[in-house]
PDB file of N, CA and C in Angstrom:
ATOM      1  N   UNK A   1      13.163   3.310 -20.131  1.00  0.00           N
ATOM      2  CA  UNK A   1      11.883   2.876 -19.609  1.00  0.00           C
ATOM      3  C   UNK A   1      10.818   3.861 -20.077  1.00  0.00           C
ATOM      4  N   UNK A   2       9.773   3.337 -20.673  1.00  0.00           N
ATOM      5  CA  UNK A   2       8.691   4.230 -21.101  1.00  0.00           C
ATOM      6  C   UNK A   2       7.779   4.542 -19.922  1.00  0.00           C
ATOM      7  N   UNK A   3       7.044   5.615 -20.051  1.00  0.00           N
ATOM      8  CA  UNK A   3       6.175   6.076 -18.965  1.00  0.00           C
ATOM      9  C   UNK A   3       5.015   5.104 -18.762  1.00  0.00           C
ATOM     10  N   UNK A   4       4.533   5.053 -17.540  1.00  0.00           N
ATOM     11  CA  UNK A   4       3.375   4.214 -17.236  1.00  0.00           C
ATOM     12  C   UNK A   4       2.100   4.968 -17.602  1.00  0.00           C
ATOM     13  N   UNK A   5       1.018   4.232 -17.786  1.00  0.00           N
ATOM     14  CA  UNK A   5      -0.254   4.853 -18.166  1.00  0.00           C
ATOM     15  C   UNK A   5      -0.830   5.629 -16.985  1.00  0.00           C
ATOM     16  N   UNK A   6      -1.828   6.456 -17.266  1.00  0.00           N
ATOM     17  CA  UNK A   6      -2.466   7.245 -16.201  1.00  0.00           C
ATOM     18  C   UNK A   6      -3.118   6.346 -15.158  1.00  0.00           C
ATOM     19  N   UNK A   7      -3.760   5.280 -15.599  1.00  0.00           N
ATOM     20  CA  UNK A   7      -4.402   4.348 -14.668  1.00  0.00           C
ATOM     21  C   UNK A   7      -3.388   3.659 -13.769  1.00  0.00           C
ATOM     22  N   UNK A   8      -2.264   3.228 -14.365  1.00  0.00           N
ATOM     23  CA  UNK A   8      -1.209   2.594 -13.573  1.00  0.00           C
ATOM     24  C   UNK A   8      -0.591   3.594 -12.608  1.00  0.00           C
ATOM     25  N   UNK A   9      -0.391   4.816 -13.070  1.00  0.00           N
ATOM     26  CA  UNK A   9       0.196   5.844 -12.201  1.00  0.00           C
ATOM     27  C   UNK A   9      -0.718   6.128 -11.007  1.00  0.00           C
ATOM     28  N   UNK A  10      -2.029   6.162 -11.233  1.00  0.00           N
ATOM     29  CA  UNK A  10      -2.972   6.387 -10.139  1.00  0.00           C
ATOM     30  C   UNK A  10      -2.874   5.270  -9.103  1.00  0.00           C
ATOM     31  N   UNK A  11      -2.726   4.013  -9.563  1.00  0.00           N
ATOM     32  CA  UNK A  11      -2.574   2.887  -8.645  1.00  0.00           C
ATOM     33  C   UNK A  11      -1.282   2.998  -7.842  1.00  0.00           C
ATOM     34  N   UNK A  12      -0.200   3.370  -8.502  1.00  0.00           N
ATOM     35  CA  UNK A  12       1.095   3.507  -7.832  1.00  0.00           C
ATOM     36  C   UNK A  12       1.038   4.615  -6.789  1.00  0.00           C
ATOM     37  N   UNK A  13       0.466   5.750  -7.150  1.00  0.00           N
ATOM     38  CA  UNK A  13       0.373   6.881  -6.219  1.00  0.00           C
ATOM     39  C   UNK A  13      -0.485   6.513  -5.013  1.00  0.00           C
ATOM     40  N   UNK A  14      -1.592   5.809  -5.239  1.00  0.00           N
ATOM     41  CA  UNK A  14      -2.453   5.391  -4.131  1.00  0.00           C
ATOM     42  C   UNK A  14      -1.704   4.443  -3.188  1.00  0.00           C
ATOM     43  N   UNK A  15      -0.945   3.509  -3.753  1.00  0.00           N
ATOM     44  CA  UNK A  15      -0.165   2.575  -2.930  1.00  0.00           C
ATOM     45  C   UNK A  15       0.898   3.317  -2.122  1.00  0.00           C
ATOM     46  N   UNK A  16       1.580   4.281  -2.743  1.00  0.00           N
ATOM     47  CA  UNK A  16       2.600   5.043  -2.029  1.00  0.00           C
ATOM     48  C   UNK A  16       1.995   5.897  -0.925  1.00  0.00           C
ATOM     49  N   UNK A  17       0.854   6.520  -1.190  1.00  0.00           N
ATOM     50  CA  UNK A  17       0.184   7.326  -0.158  1.00  0.00           C
ATOM     51  C   UNK A  17      -0.234   6.452   1.019  1.00  0.00           C
ATOM     52  N   UNK A  18      -0.790   5.285   0.719  1.00  0.00           N
ATOM     53  CA  UNK A  18      -1.209   4.359   1.776  1.00  0.00           C
ATOM     54  C   UNK A  18       0.001   3.943   2.611  1.00  0.00           C
ATOM     55  N   UNK A  19       1.093   3.594   1.930  1.00  0.00           N
ATOM     56  CA  UNK A  19       2.290   3.140   2.637  1.00  0.00           C
ATOM     57  C   UNK A  19       2.875   4.262   3.501  1.00  0.00           C
ATOM     58  N   UNK A  20       2.949   5.462   2.957  1.00  0.00           N
ATOM     59  CA  UNK A  20       3.491   6.592   3.723  1.00  0.00           C
ATOM     60  C   UNK A  20       2.611   6.922   4.929  1.00  0.00           C
ATOM     61  N   UNK A  21       1.317   6.784   4.769  1.00  0.00           N
ATOM     62  CA  UNK A  21       0.390   7.113   5.852  1.00  0.00           C
ATOM     63  C   UNK A  21       0.494   6.131   7.014  1.00  0.00           C
ATOM     64  N   UNK A  22       0.645   4.844   6.710  1.00  0.00           N
ATOM     65  CA  UNK A  22       0.588   3.825   7.754  1.00  0.00           C
ATOM     66  C   UNK A  22       1.930   3.180   8.101  1.00  0.00           C
ATOM     67  N   UNK A  23       3.008   3.582   7.496  1.00  0.00           N
ATOM     68  CA  UNK A  23       4.275   2.871   7.704  1.00  0.00           C
ATOM     69  C   UNK A  23       4.759   2.903   9.153  1.00  0.00           C
ATOM     70  N   UNK A  24       4.386   3.898   9.926  1.00  0.00           N
ATOM     71  CA  UNK A  24       4.753   3.948  11.346  1.00  0.00           C
ATOM     72  C   UNK A  24       3.525   3.849  12.231  1.00  0.00           C
ATOM     73  N   UNK A  25       2.572   3.050  11.837  1.00  0.00           N
ATOM     74  CA  UNK A  25       1.269   3.052  12.492  1.00  0.00           C
ATOM     75  C   UNK A  25       1.249   2.397  13.861  1.00  0.00           C
ATOM     76  N   UNK A  26       2.248   1.622  14.240  1.00  0.00           N
ATOM     77  CA  UNK A  26       2.180   0.972  15.546  1.00  0.00           C
ATOM     78  C   UNK A  26       2.208   1.976  16.684  1.00  0.00           C
ATOM     79  N   UNK A  27       2.474   3.228  16.384  1.00  0.00           N
ATOM     80  CA  UNK A  27       2.443   4.274  17.395  1.00  0.00           C
ATOM     81  C   UNK A  27       1.043   4.872  17.551  1.00  0.00           C
ATOM     82  N   UNK A  28       0.137   4.517  16.679  1.00  0.00           N
ATOM     83  CA  UNK A  28      -1.195   5.109  16.684  1.00  0.00           C
ATOM     84  C   UNK A  28      -2.137   4.350  17.588  1.00  0.00           C
ATOM     85  N   UNK A  29      -3.067   5.054  18.171  1.00  0.00           N
ATOM     86  CA  UNK A  29      -4.166   4.449  18.907  1.00  0.00           C
ATOM     87  C   UNK A  29      -5.448   4.726  18.128  1.00  0.00           C
ATOM     88  N   UNK A  30      -6.158   3.677  17.731  1.00  0.00           N
ATOM     89  CA  UNK A  30      -7.374   3.898  16.940  1.00  0.00           C
ATOM     90  C   UNK A  30      -8.480   4.514  17.789  1.00  0.00           C
ATOM     91  N   UNK A  31      -9.347   5.228  17.127  1.00  0.00           N
ATOM     92  CA  UNK A  31     -10.483   5.843  17.800  1.00  0.00           C
ATOM     93  C   UNK A  31     -11.743   5.056  17.497  1.00  0.00           C
ATOM     94  N   UNK A  32     -12.734   5.233  18.334  1.00  0.00           N
ATOM     95  CA  UNK A  32     -14.040   4.649  18.069  1.00  0.00           C
ATOM     96  C   UNK A  32     -14.243   3.290  18.697  1.00  0.00           C
ATOM     97  N   UNK A  33     -15.430   2.777  18.457  1.00  0.00           N
ATOM     98  CA  UNK A  33     -15.782   1.463  18.998  1.00  0.00           C
ATOM     99  C   UNK A  33     -15.329   0.364  18.038  1.00  0.00           C
ATOM    100  N   UNK A  34     -15.610  -0.869  18.383  1.00  0.00           N
ATOM    101  CA  UNK A  34     -15.147  -2.026  17.604  1.00  0.00           C
ATOM    102  C   UNK A  34     -15.671  -1.989  16.165  1.00  0.00           C
ATOM    103  N   UNK A  35     -16.919  -1.620  15.992  1.00  0.00           N
ATOM    104  CA  UNK A  35     -17.503  -1.581  14.647  1.00  0.00           C
ATOM    105  C   UNK A  35     -16.785  -0.546  13.773  1.00  0.00           C
ATOM    106  N   UNK A  36     -16.474   0.614  14.327  1.00  0.00           N
ATOM    107  CA  UNK A  36     -15.764   1.645  13.572  1.00  0.00           C
ATOM    108  C   UNK A  36     -14.351   1.194  13.212  1.00  0.00           C
ATOM    109  N   UNK A  37     -13.682   0.527  14.153  1.00  0.00           N
ATOM    110  CA  UNK A  37     -12.325   0.029  13.870  1.00  0.00           C
ATOM    111  C   UNK A  37     -12.359  -1.027  12.775  1.00  0.00           C
ATOM    112  N   UNK A  38     -13.360  -1.923  12.818  1.00  0.00           N
ATOM    113  CA  UNK A  38     -13.492  -2.948  11.779  1.00  0.00           C
ATOM    114  C   UNK A  38     -13.751  -2.333  10.413  1.00  0.00           C
ATOM    115  N   UNK A  39     -14.598  -1.317  10.357  1.00  0.00           N
ATOM    116  CA  UNK A  39     -14.886  -0.646   9.091  1.00  0.00           C
ATOM    117  C   UNK A  39     -13.627   0.028   8.549  1.00  0.00           C
ATOM    118  N   UNK A  40     -12.865   0.686   9.425  1.00  0.00           N
ATOM    119  CA  UNK A  40     -11.626   1.359   9.012  1.00  0.00           C
ATOM    120  C   UNK A  40     -10.613   0.345   8.500  1.00  0.00           C
ATOM    121  N   UNK A  41     -10.533  -0.815   9.170  1.00  0.00           N
ATOM    122  CA  UNK A  41      -9.643  -1.891   8.728  1.00  0.00           C
ATOM    123  C   UNK A  41     -10.057  -2.378   7.347  1.00  0.00           C
ATOM    124  N   UNK A  42     -11.340  -2.611   7.134  1.00  0.00           N
ATOM    125  CA  UNK A  42     -11.827  -3.090   5.839  1.00  0.00           C
ATOM    126  C   UNK A  42     -11.540  -2.093   4.718  1.00  0.00           C
ATOM    127  N   UNK A  43     -11.629  -0.812   5.013  1.00  0.00           N
ATOM    128  CA  UNK A  43     -11.383   0.212   3.997  1.00  0.00           C
ATOM    129  C   UNK A  43      -9.913   0.295   3.617  1.00  0.00           C
ATOM    130  N   UNK A  44      -9.018  -0.100   4.510  1.00  0.00           N
ATOM    131  CA  UNK A  44      -7.594   0.062   4.261  1.00  0.00           C
ATOM    132  C   UNK A  44      -6.858  -1.230   3.947  1.00  0.00           C
ATOM    133  N   UNK A  45      -7.562  -2.337   3.816  1.00  0.00           N
ATOM    134  CA  UNK A  45      -6.974  -3.591   3.347  1.00  0.00           C
ATOM    135  C   UNK A  45      -7.314  -3.748   1.878  1.00  0.00           C
ATOM    136  N   UNK A  46      -6.328  -3.673   1.024  1.00  0.00           N
ATOM    137  CA  UNK A  46      -6.569  -3.802  -0.413  1.00  0.00           C
ATOM    138  C   UNK A  46      -5.279  -4.180  -1.122  1.00  0.00           C
ATOM    139  N   UNK A  47      -5.395  -4.511  -2.385  1.00  0.00           N
ATOM    140  CA  UNK A  47      -4.249  -4.908  -3.204  1.00  0.00           C
ATOM    141  C   UNK A  47      -4.349  -4.257  -4.566  1.00  0.00           C
ATOM    142  N   UNK A  48      -3.213  -4.112  -5.199  1.00  0.00           N
ATOM    143  CA  UNK A  48      -3.172  -3.611  -6.566  1.00  0.00           C
ATOM    144  C   UNK A  48      -2.096  -4.404  -7.315  1.00  0.00           C
ATOM    145  N   UNK A  49      -2.365  -4.708  -8.572  1.00  0.00           N
ATOM    146  CA  UNK A  49      -1.402  -5.439  -9.396  1.00  0.00           C
ATOM    147  C   UNK A  49      -1.550  -4.989 -10.841  1.00  0.00           C
ATOM    148  N   UNK A  50      -0.426  -4.851 -11.525  1.00  0.00           N
ATOM    149  CA  UNK A  50      -0.443  -4.507 -12.946  1.00  0.00           C
ATOM    150  C   UNK A  50       0.890  -4.881 -13.575  1.00  0.00           C
ATOM    151  N   UNK A  51       0.911  -4.899 -14.909  1.00  0.00           N
ATOM    152  CA  UNK A  51       2.132  -5.182 -15.668  1.00  0.00           C
ATOM    153  C   UNK A  51       2.612  -3.915 -16.355  1.00  0.00           C
ATOM    154  N   UNK A  52       3.932  -3.762 -16.372  1.00  0.00           N
ATOM    155  CA  UNK A  52       4.547  -2.655 -17.094  1.00  0.00           C
ATOM    156  C   UNK A  52       5.858  -3.151 -17.671  1.00  0.00           C
ATOM    157  N   UNK A  53       5.964  -3.097 -18.991  1.00  0.00           N
ATOM    158  CA  UNK A  53       7.147  -3.557 -19.723  1.00  0.00           C
ATOM    159  C   UNK A  53       7.549  -4.976 -19.325  1.00  0.00           C
ATOM    160  N   UNK A  54       6.558  -5.854 -19.211  1.00  0.00           N
ATOM    161  CA  UNK A  54       6.817  -7.258 -18.920  1.00  0.00           C
ATOM    162  C   UNK A  54       7.092  -7.581 -17.467  1.00  0.00           C
ATOM    163  N   UNK A  55       7.037  -6.614 -16.600  1.00  0.00           N
ATOM    164  CA  UNK A  55       7.271  -6.834 -15.169  1.00  0.00           C
ATOM    165  C   UNK A  55       5.935  -6.701 -14.440  1.00  0.00           C
ATOM    166  N   UNK A  56       5.642  -7.650 -13.572  1.00  0.00           N
ATOM    167  CA  UNK A  56       4.406  -7.605 -12.789  1.00  0.00           C
ATOM    168  C   UNK A  56       4.692  -6.955 -11.437  1.00  0.00           C
ATOM    169  N   UNK A  57       4.007  -5.854 -11.178  1.00  0.00           N
ATOM    170  CA  UNK A  57       4.151  -5.117  -9.922  1.00  0.00           C
ATOM    171  C   UNK A  57       2.914  -5.383  -9.065  1.00  0.00           C
ATOM    172  N   UNK A  58       3.132  -5.633  -7.769  1.00  0.00           N
ATOM    173  CA  UNK A  58       2.020  -5.871  -6.848  1.00  0.00           C
ATOM    174  C   UNK A  58       2.266  -5.148  -5.532  1.00  0.00           C
ATOM    175  N   UNK A  59       1.170  -4.701  -4.930  1.00  0.00           N
ATOM    176  CA  UNK A  59       1.215  -4.107  -3.601  1.00  0.00           C
ATOM    177  C   UNK A  59       0.038  -4.664  -2.812  1.00  0.00           C
ATOM    178  N   UNK A  60       0.297  -5.106  -1.595  1.00  0.00           N
ATOM    179  CA  UNK A  60      -0.744  -5.622  -0.712  1.00  0.00           C
ATOM    180  C   UNK A  60      -0.688  -4.849   0.597  1.00  0.00           C
ATOM    181  N   UNK A  61      -1.794  -4.281   0.993  1.00  0.00           N
ATOM    182  CA  UNK A  61      -1.906  -3.550   2.248  1.00  0.00           C
ATOM    183  C   UNK A  61      -2.643  -4.432   3.248  1.00  0.00           C
ATOM    184  N   UNK A  62      -2.001  -4.701   4.371  1.00  0.00           N
ATOM    185  CA  UNK A  62      -2.607  -5.511   5.424  1.00  0.00           C
ATOM    186  C   UNK A  62      -2.616  -4.682   6.698  1.00  0.00           C
ATOM    187  N   UNK A  63      -3.802  -4.241   7.116  1.00  0.00           N
ATOM    188  CA  UNK A  63      -3.919  -3.402   8.292  1.00  0.00           C
ATOM    189  C   UNK A  63      -4.919  -4.013   9.264  1.00  0.00           C
ATOM    190  N   UNK A  64      -4.604  -3.900  10.546  1.00  0.00           N
ATOM    191  CA  UNK A  64      -5.485  -4.421  11.595  1.00  0.00           C
ATOM    192  C   UNK A  64      -5.495  -3.439  12.751  1.00  0.00           C
ATOM    193  N   UNK A  65      -6.666  -3.213  13.301  1.00  0.00           N
ATOM    194  CA  UNK A  65      -6.823  -2.336  14.471  1.00  0.00           C
ATOM    195  C   UNK A  65      -7.255  -3.163  15.666  1.00  0.00           C
ATOM    196  N   UNK A  66      -6.491  -3.084  16.726  1.00  0.00           N
ATOM    197  CA  UNK A  66      -6.938  -3.647  18.001  1.00  0.00           C
ATOM    198  C   UNK A  66      -7.494  -2.489  18.816  1.00  0.00           C
ATOM    199  N   UNK A  67      -7.902  -2.741  20.021  1.00  0.00           N
ATOM    200  CA  UNK A  67      -8.415  -1.665  20.866  1.00  0.00           C
ATOM    201  C   UNK A  67      -7.307  -0.680  21.241  1.00  0.00           C
ATOM    202  N   UNK A  68      -6.050  -1.137  21.226  1.00  0.00           N
ATOM    203  CA  UNK A  68      -4.946  -0.303  21.687  1.00  0.00           C
ATOM    204  C   UNK A  68      -4.025   0.195  20.575  1.00  0.00           C
ATOM    205  N   UNK A  69      -3.903  -0.537  19.454  1.00  0.00           N
ATOM    206  CA  UNK A  69      -2.914  -0.186  18.433  1.00  0.00           C
ATOM    207  C   UNK A  69      -3.444  -0.399  17.021  1.00  0.00           C
ATOM    208  N   UNK A  70      -2.725   0.212  16.080  1.00  0.00           N
ATOM    209  CA  UNK A  70      -2.958  -0.007  14.650  1.00  0.00           C
ATOM    210  C   UNK A  70      -1.734  -0.741  14.118  1.00  0.00           C
ATOM    211  N   UNK A  71      -1.958  -1.860  13.436  1.00  0.00           N
ATOM    212  CA  UNK A  71      -0.871  -2.645  12.866  1.00  0.00           C
ATOM    213  C   UNK A  71      -0.986  -2.617  11.349  1.00  0.00           C
ATOM    214  N   UNK A  72       0.126  -2.362  10.670  1.00  0.00           N
ATOM    215  CA  UNK A  72       0.126  -2.259   9.208  1.00  0.00           C
ATOM    216  C   UNK A  72       1.327  -2.999   8.649  1.00  0.00           C
ATOM    217  N   UNK A  73       1.110  -3.670   7.527  1.00  0.00           N
ATOM    218  CA  UNK A  73       2.206  -4.264   6.780  1.00  0.00           C
ATOM    219  C   UNK A  73       1.916  -4.058   5.305  1.00  0.00           C
ATOM    220  N   UNK A  74       2.813  -3.383   4.617  1.00  0.00           N
ATOM    221  CA  UNK A  74       2.696  -3.187   3.181  1.00  0.00           C
ATOM    222  C   UNK A  74       3.715  -4.058   2.479  1.00  0.00           C
ATOM    223  N   UNK A  75       3.265  -4.870   1.527  1.00  0.00           N
ATOM    224  CA  UNK A  75       4.166  -5.758   0.800  1.00  0.00           C
ATOM    225  C   UNK A  75       4.235  -5.335  -0.662  1.00  0.00           C
ATOM    226  N   UNK A  76       5.426  -5.049  -1.117  1.00  0.00           N
ATOM    227  CA  UNK A  76       5.683  -4.710  -2.507  1.00  0.00           C
ATOM    228  C   UNK A  76       6.401  -5.882  -3.155  1.00  0.00           C
ATOM    229  N   UNK A  77       5.943  -6.290  -4.349  1.00  0.00           N
ATOM    230  CA  UNK A  77       6.615  -7.361  -5.070  1.00  0.00           C
ATOM    231  C   UNK A  77       6.750  -6.987  -6.540  1.00  0.00           C
ATOM    232  N   UNK A  78       7.817  -7.492  -7.142  1.00  0.00           N
ATOM    233  CA  UNK A  78       7.997  -7.395  -8.591  1.00  0.00           C
ATOM    234  C   UNK A  78       8.239  -8.810  -9.097  1.00  0.00           C
ATOM    235  N   UNK A  79       7.427  -9.248 -10.038  1.00  0.00           N
ATOM    236  CA  UNK A  79       7.481 -10.608 -10.576  1.00  0.00           C
ATOM    237  C   UNK A  79       7.426 -11.657  -9.467  1.00  0.00           C
ATOM    238  N   UNK A  80       6.640 -11.394  -8.439  1.00  0.00           N
ATOM    239  CA  UNK A  80       6.461 -12.353  -7.358  1.00  0.00           C
ATOM    240  C   UNK A  80       7.568 -12.371  -6.320  1.00  0.00           C
ATOM    241  N   UNK A  81       8.589 -11.551  -6.491  1.00  0.00           N
ATOM    242  CA  UNK A  81       9.689 -11.498  -5.530  1.00  0.00           C
ATOM    243  C   UNK A  81       9.568 -10.238  -4.683  1.00  0.00           C
ATOM    244  N   UNK A  82       9.935 -10.359  -3.415  1.00  0.00           N
ATOM    245  CA  UNK A  82       9.860  -9.245  -2.486  1.00  0.00           C
ATOM    246  C   UNK A  82      10.665  -8.055  -3.015  1.00  0.00           C
ATOM    247  N   UNK A  83      10.069  -6.884  -2.931  1.00  0.00           N
ATOM    248  CA  UNK A  83      10.722  -5.657  -3.389  1.00  0.00           C
ATOM    249  C   UNK A  83      10.530  -4.585  -2.322  1.00  0.00           C
ATOM    250  N   UNK A  84      11.173  -3.468  -2.529  1.00  0.00           N
ATOM    251  CA  UNK A  84      11.017  -2.346  -1.614  1.00  0.00           C
ATOM    252  C   UNK A  84      10.110  -1.305  -2.245  1.00  0.00           C
ATOM    253  N   UNK A  85       9.757  -0.316  -1.477  1.00  0.00           N
ATOM    254  CA  UNK A  85       8.915   0.768  -1.965  1.00  0.00           C
ATOM    255  C   UNK A  85       9.629   1.540  -3.083  1.00  0.00           C
ATOM    256  N   UNK A  86      10.929   1.414  -3.162  1.00  0.00           N
ATOM    257  CA  UNK A  86      11.731   2.117  -4.174  1.00  0.00           C
ATOM    258  C   UNK A  86      11.284   1.791  -5.603  1.00  0.00           C
ATOM    259  N   UNK A  87      10.898   0.545  -5.859  1.00  0.00           N
ATOM    260  CA  UNK A  87      10.450   0.162  -7.205  1.00  0.00           C
ATOM    261  C   UNK A  87       9.207   0.946  -7.608  1.00  0.00           C
ATOM    262  N   UNK A  88       8.277   1.138  -6.681  1.00  0.00           N
ATOM    263  CA  UNK A  88       7.072   1.901  -6.976  1.00  0.00           C
ATOM    264  C   UNK A  88       7.385   3.394  -7.092  1.00  0.00           C
ATOM    265  N   UNK A  89       8.314   3.878  -6.297  1.00  0.00           N
ATOM    266  CA  UNK A  89       8.694   5.293  -6.385  1.00  0.00           C
ATOM    267  C   UNK A  89       9.332   5.604  -7.745  1.00  0.00           C
ATOM    268  N   UNK A  90      10.109   4.660  -8.256  1.00  0.00           N
ATOM    269  CA  UNK A  90      10.706   4.849  -9.582  1.00  0.00           C
ATOM    270  C   UNK A  90       9.624   4.952 -10.649  1.00  0.00           C
ATOM    271  N   UNK A  91       8.603   4.098 -10.545  1.00  0.00           N
ATOM    272  CA  UNK A  91       7.502   4.139 -11.509  1.00  0.00           C
ATOM    273  C   UNK A  91       6.744   5.456 -11.449  1.00  0.00           C
ATOM    274  N   UNK A  92       6.580   5.987 -10.248  1.00  0.00           N
ATOM    275  CA  UNK A  92       5.837   7.237 -10.082  1.00  0.00           C
ATOM    276  C   UNK A  92       6.684   8.448 -10.438  1.00  0.00           C
ATOM    277  N   UNK A  93       7.966   8.239 -10.663  1.00  0.00           N
ATOM    278  CA  UNK A  93       8.849   9.347 -11.010  1.00  0.00           C
ATOM    279  C   UNK A  93       9.323  10.143  -9.803  1.00  0.00           C
ATOM    280  N   UNK A  94       9.187   9.558  -8.603  1.00  0.00           N
ATOM    281  CA  UNK A  94       9.628  10.249  -7.404  1.00  0.00           C
ATOM    282  C   UNK A  94      11.112  10.071  -7.134  1.00  0.00           C
ATOM    283  N   UNK A  95      11.761   9.161  -7.850  1.00  0.00           N
ATOM    284  CA  UNK A  95      13.209   8.959  -7.683  1.00  0.00           C
ATOM    285  C   UNK A  95      13.929   9.305  -8.957  1.00  0.00           C
TER     286      UNK A  95
END
């Protein structure tokens, strides 16, 4: 497997950092008023997609803040099929 480009690596690292930060988020209580929670939710909902050696990698971050909890779901896919975070870790060279 050849190395990924710097731009692709930056996307992979950002997705892994986001996933590591929020993967146990249901234990968190958000701070601030409704407007601040909405802004924080908007900043942390995003997607990334790219191709590497004919394989399409995608990550979707879905986060929601209620008054009491933070809910997060990170979806990793390869070629449209559900994958684990392991595929992205391999690309980043963490495995």
